N, C-alpha and C. Protein backbone atom coordinates (compact mmCIF):
# COMPACT_ATOMS: atom_id res chain seq x y z
N THR A 1 22.30 -20.93 -40.12
CA THR A 1 21.51 -22.08 -38.90
C THR A 1 20.33 -22.26 -39.77
N GLY A 2 20.13 -21.95 -40.90
CA GLY A 2 18.79 -22.09 -41.61
C GLY A 2 17.43 -21.33 -40.90
N HIS A 3 17.82 -20.63 -40.24
CA HIS A 3 16.68 -19.91 -39.62
C HIS A 3 16.53 -18.45 -40.60
N VAL A 4 15.41 -17.83 -40.66
CA VAL A 4 14.98 -16.52 -40.81
C VAL A 4 14.73 -15.76 -39.66
N HIS A 5 15.52 -14.76 -39.79
CA HIS A 5 15.65 -13.81 -38.61
C HIS A 5 15.10 -12.34 -39.32
N PRO A 6 14.12 -11.78 -38.70
CA PRO A 6 13.66 -10.49 -39.10
C PRO A 6 14.42 -9.62 -39.16
N ALA A 7 14.65 -8.50 -40.09
CA ALA A 7 15.42 -7.32 -40.22
C ALA A 7 15.57 -6.44 -38.94
N ASP A 8 14.60 -6.50 -38.19
CA ASP A 8 15.02 -5.77 -37.16
C ASP A 8 15.88 -6.33 -36.31
N ALA A 9 15.40 -7.74 -36.08
CA ALA A 9 16.36 -8.58 -35.26
C ALA A 9 18.01 -8.38 -35.84
N LEU A 10 18.31 -8.44 -37.00
CA LEU A 10 19.83 -8.26 -37.26
C LEU A 10 20.05 -7.05 -37.03
N LEU A 11 19.41 -6.19 -37.29
CA LEU A 11 19.67 -4.39 -36.82
C LEU A 11 20.39 -4.19 -35.42
N LYS A 12 19.46 -4.74 -34.69
CA LYS A 12 19.50 -4.99 -33.20
C LYS A 12 20.93 -5.97 -32.79
N LEU A 13 20.99 -7.00 -33.68
CA LEU A 13 22.14 -7.71 -33.24
C LEU A 13 23.67 -6.70 -33.69
N ARG A 14 23.37 -6.38 -35.03
CA ARG A 14 24.76 -5.34 -35.12
C ARG A 14 24.95 -4.08 -34.50
N ALA A 15 23.61 -3.67 -33.68
CA ALA A 15 24.08 -2.56 -32.79
C ALA A 15 24.76 -2.84 -31.32
N SER A 16 24.27 -4.31 -31.18
CA SER A 16 24.70 -5.03 -29.79
C SER A 16 26.36 -5.20 -29.79
N ILE A 17 26.90 -5.54 -30.99
CA ILE A 17 28.25 -5.96 -30.91
C ILE A 17 29.28 -4.80 -31.23
N PRO A 18 30.69 -4.94 -30.77
CA PRO A 18 31.34 -3.82 -31.02
C PRO A 18 31.47 -3.77 -32.58
N MET A 19 31.67 -2.17 -33.31
CA MET A 19 32.04 -2.02 -34.70
C MET A 19 33.37 -2.82 -35.10
N SER A 20 34.34 -3.00 -34.04
CA SER A 20 35.40 -3.76 -34.17
C SER A 20 35.26 -5.25 -34.81
N CYS A 21 34.11 -5.76 -34.61
CA CYS A 21 33.86 -7.33 -35.07
C CYS A 21 33.05 -7.08 -36.22
N THR A 22 33.10 -7.86 -36.96
CA THR A 22 32.77 -8.03 -38.50
C THR A 22 31.44 -9.14 -38.27
N LEU A 23 30.38 -8.47 -38.91
CA LEU A 23 28.93 -9.44 -38.63
C LEU A 23 29.08 -10.15 -39.97
N ILE A 24 29.09 -11.00 -40.46
CA ILE A 24 28.89 -11.96 -41.54
C ILE A 24 27.59 -12.83 -41.57
N LEU A 25 26.65 -12.32 -42.58
CA LEU A 25 25.55 -13.08 -42.80
C LEU A 25 25.32 -14.03 -44.03
N ASP A 26 24.99 -14.95 -43.63
CA ASP A 26 24.67 -16.12 -44.77
C ASP A 26 23.38 -15.80 -45.19
N GLU A 27 23.44 -15.56 -46.62
CA GLU A 27 22.34 -14.97 -47.27
C GLU A 27 21.89 -15.66 -48.64
N ALA A 28 22.22 -17.08 -48.28
CA ALA A 28 22.21 -18.15 -49.49
C ALA A 28 20.71 -17.89 -50.19
N TYR A 29 19.60 -17.96 -49.17
CA TYR A 29 18.15 -18.00 -49.79
C TYR A 29 17.57 -16.52 -49.94
N VAL A 30 18.44 -15.47 -49.68
CA VAL A 30 17.88 -14.03 -49.77
C VAL A 30 17.21 -13.76 -51.11
N ASP A 31 17.34 -14.59 -52.14
CA ASP A 31 16.76 -14.27 -53.31
C ASP A 31 15.21 -14.65 -53.51
N PHE A 32 14.88 -15.48 -52.50
CA PHE A 32 13.61 -15.58 -52.34
C PHE A 32 12.85 -15.13 -51.20
N ALA A 33 13.32 -14.13 -50.41
CA ALA A 33 12.91 -13.47 -49.76
C ALA A 33 13.67 -12.13 -49.44
N PRO A 34 13.77 -11.20 -50.65
CA PRO A 34 14.54 -10.29 -50.62
C PRO A 34 14.46 -9.08 -49.69
N GLU A 35 13.16 -9.04 -49.12
CA GLU A 35 12.98 -8.02 -47.89
C GLU A 35 13.96 -8.42 -46.99
N MET A 36 14.50 -9.44 -46.80
CA MET A 36 15.31 -9.84 -45.57
C MET A 36 16.87 -9.34 -45.81
N ALA A 37 17.19 -8.82 -46.61
CA ALA A 37 18.53 -8.47 -47.09
C ALA A 37 18.73 -7.18 -46.29
N VAL A 38 19.52 -7.32 -45.46
CA VAL A 38 19.46 -5.79 -44.56
C VAL A 38 20.89 -5.64 -44.30
N GLY A 39 22.03 -6.46 -44.85
CA GLY A 39 23.60 -6.20 -44.58
C GLY A 39 23.99 -4.67 -45.38
N TRP A 40 23.34 -4.38 -46.15
CA TRP A 40 23.73 -3.28 -47.18
C TRP A 40 23.51 -1.90 -46.08
N ARG A 41 22.50 -2.11 -45.15
CA ARG A 41 22.42 -0.88 -44.15
C ARG A 41 23.09 -0.96 -42.88
N MET A 42 24.29 -1.87 -42.83
CA MET A 42 24.80 -2.00 -41.64
C MET A 42 26.22 -2.13 -41.97
N PRO A 43 27.16 -1.03 -41.43
CA PRO A 43 28.35 -0.92 -41.41
C PRO A 43 29.14 -2.15 -40.91
N ASN A 44 30.44 -2.32 -41.46
CA ASN A 44 31.18 -3.84 -40.88
C ASN A 44 30.49 -5.08 -40.83
N THR A 45 29.41 -5.28 -42.12
CA THR A 45 28.69 -6.22 -42.27
C THR A 45 29.05 -7.09 -43.74
N VAL A 46 29.28 -8.12 -43.93
CA VAL A 46 29.83 -8.96 -44.91
C VAL A 46 28.39 -9.86 -45.28
N GLN A 47 27.90 -9.82 -46.47
CA GLN A 47 27.01 -10.61 -46.70
C GLN A 47 27.10 -11.75 -47.67
N ILE A 48 27.03 -13.12 -47.32
CA ILE A 48 27.87 -13.84 -48.37
C ILE A 48 26.44 -14.64 -49.08
N ARG A 49 26.62 -14.82 -50.20
CA ARG A 49 25.53 -15.49 -51.16
C ARG A 49 26.12 -16.34 -52.17
N THR A 50 25.16 -17.28 -52.76
CA THR A 50 25.56 -18.01 -54.06
C THR A 50 24.63 -17.78 -55.07
N LEU A 51 25.03 -18.09 -56.16
CA LEU A 51 23.92 -18.38 -56.92
C LEU A 51 23.46 -19.92 -57.56
N SER A 52 23.89 -20.78 -56.70
CA SER A 52 23.30 -22.25 -56.62
C SER A 52 21.83 -22.17 -56.32
N LYS A 53 21.21 -21.33 -55.39
CA LYS A 53 19.71 -21.67 -55.10
C LYS A 53 18.90 -21.02 -56.30
N ALA A 54 19.07 -19.50 -56.26
CA ALA A 54 17.99 -18.67 -57.11
C ALA A 54 18.57 -18.99 -58.90
N TYR A 55 19.63 -19.43 -58.99
CA TYR A 55 19.75 -19.72 -60.32
C TYR A 55 20.03 -21.03 -60.59
N GLY A 56 20.00 -22.16 -59.69
CA GLY A 56 19.81 -23.37 -59.97
C GLY A 56 21.27 -23.91 -60.52
N THR A 57 22.55 -23.32 -59.93
CA THR A 57 23.73 -23.73 -60.67
C THR A 57 24.75 -24.42 -59.55
N ALA A 58 24.24 -25.23 -58.79
CA ALA A 58 24.99 -25.90 -57.37
C ALA A 58 26.28 -26.22 -58.39
N GLY A 59 26.01 -26.81 -59.19
CA GLY A 59 27.36 -27.41 -59.79
C GLY A 59 28.54 -26.43 -60.24
N LEU A 60 28.24 -25.25 -60.24
CA LEU A 60 29.08 -24.23 -60.52
C LEU A 60 29.84 -23.86 -59.38
N ARG A 61 29.47 -24.07 -58.28
CA ARG A 61 30.03 -24.11 -56.96
C ARG A 61 30.46 -22.30 -56.95
N VAL A 62 29.87 -21.48 -57.29
CA VAL A 62 29.60 -20.03 -57.41
C VAL A 62 29.21 -19.34 -56.15
N GLY A 63 29.98 -18.48 -55.34
CA GLY A 63 29.38 -17.70 -54.26
C GLY A 63 30.11 -16.31 -54.39
N TYR A 64 29.45 -15.37 -53.93
CA TYR A 64 30.05 -14.13 -53.60
C TYR A 64 29.82 -13.50 -52.34
N TRP A 65 30.43 -12.56 -52.13
CA TRP A 65 30.05 -11.60 -51.11
C TRP A 65 29.82 -10.33 -51.26
N ILE A 66 29.17 -9.40 -50.49
CA ILE A 66 28.70 -7.97 -50.68
C ILE A 66 29.17 -7.47 -49.51
N SER A 67 29.98 -6.33 -49.50
CA SER A 67 30.62 -5.40 -48.26
C SER A 67 31.06 -4.24 -48.49
N GLU A 68 31.57 -3.59 -47.71
CA GLU A 68 32.23 -2.05 -47.82
C GLU A 68 33.34 -2.66 -48.51
N GLU A 69 33.88 -1.58 -49.25
CA GLU A 69 34.97 -1.87 -50.12
C GLU A 69 36.46 -2.48 -49.14
N GLN A 70 36.60 -2.12 -48.00
CA GLN A 70 37.51 -2.42 -46.99
C GLN A 70 37.64 -3.89 -47.12
N TRP A 71 36.63 -4.46 -47.19
CA TRP A 71 36.69 -6.26 -47.05
C TRP A 71 36.93 -6.47 -48.51
N VAL A 72 37.08 -5.81 -49.84
CA VAL A 72 37.63 -6.76 -51.04
C VAL A 72 38.84 -7.18 -51.02
N ASP A 73 39.91 -6.35 -50.28
CA ASP A 73 41.49 -7.02 -50.27
C ASP A 73 41.32 -8.53 -49.50
N LYS A 74 40.49 -8.38 -48.23
CA LYS A 74 40.32 -9.37 -47.31
C LYS A 74 39.83 -10.57 -47.89
N GLY A 75 38.67 -10.48 -48.97
CA GLY A 75 38.20 -11.62 -49.40
C GLY A 75 39.03 -12.26 -50.40
N ASP A 76 40.16 -11.35 -51.30
CA ASP A 76 41.22 -11.64 -52.34
C ASP A 76 41.97 -12.95 -51.42
N GLN A 77 42.23 -12.48 -50.15
CA GLN A 77 43.09 -13.04 -49.28
C GLN A 77 42.52 -14.65 -48.75
N LEU A 78 41.16 -14.64 -48.68
CA LEU A 78 40.84 -15.81 -48.28
C LEU A 78 40.58 -16.69 -49.51
N ARG A 79 40.08 -16.27 -50.50
CA ARG A 79 39.89 -17.06 -51.61
C ARG A 79 41.02 -17.80 -52.20
N THR A 80 40.85 -18.96 -52.41
CA THR A 80 41.79 -20.01 -53.14
C THR A 80 42.35 -19.45 -54.36
N GLN A 81 43.37 -19.64 -54.63
CA GLN A 81 43.91 -19.43 -56.27
C GLN A 81 43.04 -20.23 -57.19
N TYR A 82 42.77 -21.54 -56.71
CA TYR A 82 41.97 -22.20 -57.77
C TYR A 82 40.53 -22.53 -57.42
N GLY A 83 39.82 -21.73 -57.05
CA GLY A 83 38.59 -21.97 -56.32
C GLY A 83 37.52 -22.62 -57.24
N ILE A 84 37.48 -21.57 -58.28
CA ILE A 84 36.53 -22.17 -59.23
C ILE A 84 37.05 -22.12 -60.84
N SER A 85 36.52 -22.99 -61.46
CA SER A 85 37.01 -22.89 -63.08
C SER A 85 36.69 -21.41 -63.86
N ASN A 86 37.64 -21.33 -64.61
CA ASN A 86 37.09 -20.03 -65.69
C ASN A 86 35.75 -20.48 -66.36
N LEU A 87 35.25 -21.55 -66.69
CA LEU A 87 33.98 -21.87 -67.30
C LEU A 87 32.84 -21.41 -66.27
N SER A 88 33.00 -21.55 -64.97
CA SER A 88 32.05 -21.47 -63.82
C SER A 88 32.07 -19.89 -63.95
N VAL A 89 33.34 -19.07 -63.97
CA VAL A 89 33.37 -17.65 -63.75
C VAL A 89 32.24 -17.15 -65.13
N HIS A 90 32.68 -17.71 -66.21
CA HIS A 90 32.10 -16.88 -67.49
C HIS A 90 30.60 -17.26 -67.46
N ILE A 91 30.27 -18.60 -66.99
CA ILE A 91 28.91 -18.72 -66.96
C ILE A 91 28.00 -18.02 -65.92
N ALA A 92 28.67 -17.57 -64.61
CA ALA A 92 28.11 -16.84 -63.72
C ALA A 92 28.20 -15.36 -64.12
N GLU A 93 29.28 -15.17 -64.75
CA GLU A 93 28.78 -13.33 -65.15
C GLU A 93 27.47 -13.37 -66.09
N ALA A 94 27.58 -14.31 -67.15
CA ALA A 94 26.57 -14.33 -67.98
C ALA A 94 25.42 -14.22 -67.53
N LEU A 95 24.62 -14.97 -66.09
CA LEU A 95 23.87 -15.26 -65.58
C LEU A 95 23.29 -13.86 -64.80
N VAL A 96 24.15 -13.38 -63.99
CA VAL A 96 23.95 -12.14 -63.44
C VAL A 96 23.71 -10.87 -64.50
N ARG A 97 24.20 -11.04 -65.71
CA ARG A 97 24.21 -9.98 -66.35
C ARG A 97 22.66 -10.25 -67.10
N ASP A 98 22.02 -11.23 -67.40
CA ASP A 98 21.07 -11.47 -68.14
C ASP A 98 19.95 -11.30 -67.22
N PRO A 99 18.92 -10.17 -67.31
CA PRO A 99 17.89 -10.02 -66.27
C PRO A 99 16.70 -10.83 -66.59
N ALA A 100 16.66 -11.54 -67.86
CA ALA A 100 15.61 -12.36 -68.46
C ALA A 100 15.98 -13.49 -67.34
N TYR A 101 17.07 -14.06 -67.29
CA TYR A 101 17.29 -15.46 -66.45
C TYR A 101 16.95 -15.47 -64.69
N SER A 102 17.32 -14.23 -64.49
CA SER A 102 17.09 -14.05 -62.84
C SER A 102 15.59 -13.74 -62.71
């Protein structure tokens, strides 16, 4: 939505919906406000992030999600076979491993 919601509001939202429903949080800008990252505190929640904003790599088209292990296989099912290039994958891996860059 492009709106920043306080952590307590997100925690209340998670508590208000059944645990059988997965809460998906768009955290594309969380690198600029790390205190807003609350997904890791909430079960059955998926955080979607991108390298485009904080790393300045929009052309790579690399995104990722953070979740409980049960969602890893689901992500593999949703991901397209040819989603991003091998070059993008290698650059993204190098970026996240280099603390000086972030």
